[in-house]
Each structure stands twice: as C-alpha cells, then as structure tokens.
Amino acid sequence: MDVKGVQGSISFDGEWITITKKELGQQPRDYRLRAADISGTRLKPASRLFHGYVQFLLPGSAPADESKGLLSGGRPPQSDPHSLSIPHRSNDAAEKLVAAVEQARPSR
C-alpha cells in the first residue's frame, strides 16, 4: 500500500511503515516505523488549494506542530520524520493507508 506525497511517499506492508522523503539537492531518506509502536495517527485531507498531511504519533513524543503561514498551509515542517505532506489527488490512498495502520495497531 503506497501513498504519493509531496517530495516523498509512504508505504505500508502490514507491519512496517516506510516514509521516504526527498529534499531538494539531497538523496532520499527512509524513516521506518513499526505499526505496533504507533500510538496514533493524524490525517488532514488536502484541499484543491492546500496540501494536507499524514502524521504518525509515537509514545512519549509530542506531535510536530503545524506550521502557520500561507505557503505551508497548516502542515508539520518538512524536517518532521514522522509526517508527510500529501496533494489532493492522494487523499483517498492516504485515508486507506491510515485505516490499515490503525487496524494493524494493537488495541490499547
């Protein structure tokens, strides 16, 4: 299960979430998280004007704050390794991925 994001992607194989981020002028970086370690998810669907985001929350760490400003449109910063901005066309895929991750998380 894959979601194309803005300068990156998220894939989920049923156990591991891999967030790949591609910053301008640098090699892509992968961040891997086990679904069992996730304490929550946040999904802000994109509109036609502004990108949304998918964010994974880990126990003991606060979620990255949404950047305020016209260009960032209320998303976590690009430097946050546990989130990825998504375009409007990826809303459905992101919703399915978040549902699959929630299903794979152990109930607490």
Protein backbone atom coordinates (compact mmCIF):
# COMPACT_ATOMS: atom_id res chain seq x y z
CA MET A 1 0.00 0.00 0.00
CA ASP A 2 1.60 3.27 -1.15
CA VAL A 3 0.77 6.97 -0.95
CA LYS A 4 2.50 9.53 -3.16
CA GLY A 5 3.24 12.64 -1.15
CA VAL A 6 4.85 15.99 -1.75
CA GLN A 7 8.58 15.30 -2.15
CA GLY A 8 8.21 11.76 -0.87
CA SER A 9 5.99 8.75 -0.30
CA ILE A 10 4.64 6.45 2.42
CA SER A 11 4.40 2.69 2.07
CA PHE A 12 2.90 0.14 4.46
CA ASP A 13 3.43 -3.62 4.21
CA GLY A 14 1.13 -4.65 7.06
CA GLU A 15 3.80 -4.36 9.77
CA TRP A 16 6.26 -1.60 8.79
CA ILE A 17 5.58 1.97 7.69
CA THR A 18 8.29 3.49 5.50
CA ILE A 19 8.30 7.24 4.94
CA THR A 20 10.64 8.27 2.13
CA LYS A 21 11.46 11.98 1.93
CA LYS A 22 13.28 13.62 -0.94
CA GLU A 23 14.60 17.07 -0.10
CA LEU A 24 15.88 19.23 -2.93
CA GLY A 25 19.51 18.51 -3.75
CA GLN A 26 19.80 15.55 -1.36
CA GLN A 27 19.47 11.78 -1.54
CA PRO A 28 16.11 10.30 -0.47
CA ARG A 29 15.94 9.29 3.21
CA ASP A 30 13.83 6.47 4.61
CA TYR A 31 12.25 6.54 8.05
CA ARG A 32 10.82 3.20 9.24
CA LEU A 33 8.24 2.75 11.97
CA ARG A 34 6.59 -0.43 13.22
CA ALA A 35 2.79 -0.20 13.22
CA ALA A 36 2.78 -1.82 16.68
CA ASP A 37 4.82 1.12 18.03
CA ILE A 38 2.44 3.81 16.76
CA SER A 39 0.26 5.44 19.43
CA GLY A 40 -1.92 7.34 16.96
CA THR A 41 -2.31 8.81 13.51
CA ARG A 42 -3.33 12.20 12.19
CA LEU A 43 -4.72 12.81 8.73
CA LYS A 44 -5.53 16.25 7.39
CA PRO A 45 -7.00 15.85 3.90
CA ALA A 46 -5.67 18.19 1.24
CA SER A 47 -7.90 20.72 -0.44
CA ARG A 48 -7.52 21.86 -4.04
CA LEU A 49 -5.55 24.89 -2.78
CA PHE A 50 -3.51 23.47 0.11
CA HIS A 51 -1.67 20.22 0.74
CA GLY A 52 -2.75 18.04 3.65
CA TYR A 53 -0.63 15.63 5.66
CA VAL A 54 -0.34 12.21 7.27
CA GLN A 55 1.40 12.06 10.64
CA PHE A 56 2.22 9.11 12.88
CA LEU A 57 2.43 9.63 16.64
CA LEU A 58 4.83 7.74 18.89
CA PRO A 59 4.51 7.19 22.65
CA GLY A 60 6.42 9.71 24.73
CA SER A 61 6.89 12.25 21.96
CA ALA A 62 4.74 15.24 21.12
CA PRO A 63 3.46 15.58 17.56
CA ALA A 64 5.18 18.20 15.43
CA ASP A 65 3.26 21.46 15.39
CA GLU A 66 1.58 22.64 12.23
CA SER A 67 3.46 25.47 10.55
CA LYS A 68 1.44 28.63 10.22
CA GLY A 69 1.75 30.62 7.05
CA LEU A 70 0.37 30.99 3.58
CA LEU A 71 2.79 28.60 1.86
CA SER A 72 2.81 25.85 4.50
CA GLY A 73 -0.98 25.69 4.79
CA GLY A 74 -1.02 24.25 8.32
CA ARG A 75 1.28 21.24 7.86
CA PRO A 76 4.10 19.88 10.03
CA PRO A 77 7.57 21.03 8.92
CA GLN A 78 9.42 19.06 6.22
CA SER A 79 12.03 18.14 8.85
CA ASP A 80 9.49 16.07 10.85
CA PRO A 81 10.46 12.43 10.11
CA HIS A 82 7.04 11.04 11.13
CA SER A 83 4.85 13.03 8.73
CA LEU A 84 4.48 13.70 5.03
CA SER A 85 2.53 16.32 3.12
CA ILE A 86 0.06 14.98 0.58
CA PRO A 87 -1.58 16.50 -2.50
CA HIS A 88 -5.34 16.46 -3.11
CA ARG A 89 -5.11 13.51 -5.52
CA SER A 90 -3.65 11.32 -2.72
CA ASN A 91 -6.48 11.86 -0.19
CA ASP A 92 -8.20 8.52 -0.87
CA ALA A 93 -4.97 6.50 -0.76
CA ALA A 94 -3.89 8.26 2.45
CA GLU A 95 -7.24 7.54 4.09
CA LYS A 96 -6.91 3.84 3.22
CA LEU A 97 -3.31 3.70 4.47
CA VAL A 98 -4.21 5.35 7.79
CA ALA A 99 -7.14 2.92 8.22
CA ALA A 100 -4.82 -0.04 7.54
CA VAL A 101 -2.24 1.25 10.06
CA GLU A 102 -4.98 1.77 12.67
CA GLN A 103 -6.18 -1.79 12.05
CA ALA A 104 -2.62 -3.16 12.49
CA ARG A 105 -2.01 -1.26 15.77
CA PRO A 106 -2.57 -3.26 18.95
CA SER A 107 -5.63 -2.05 20.84
CA ARG A 108 -4.74 -0.13 23.98
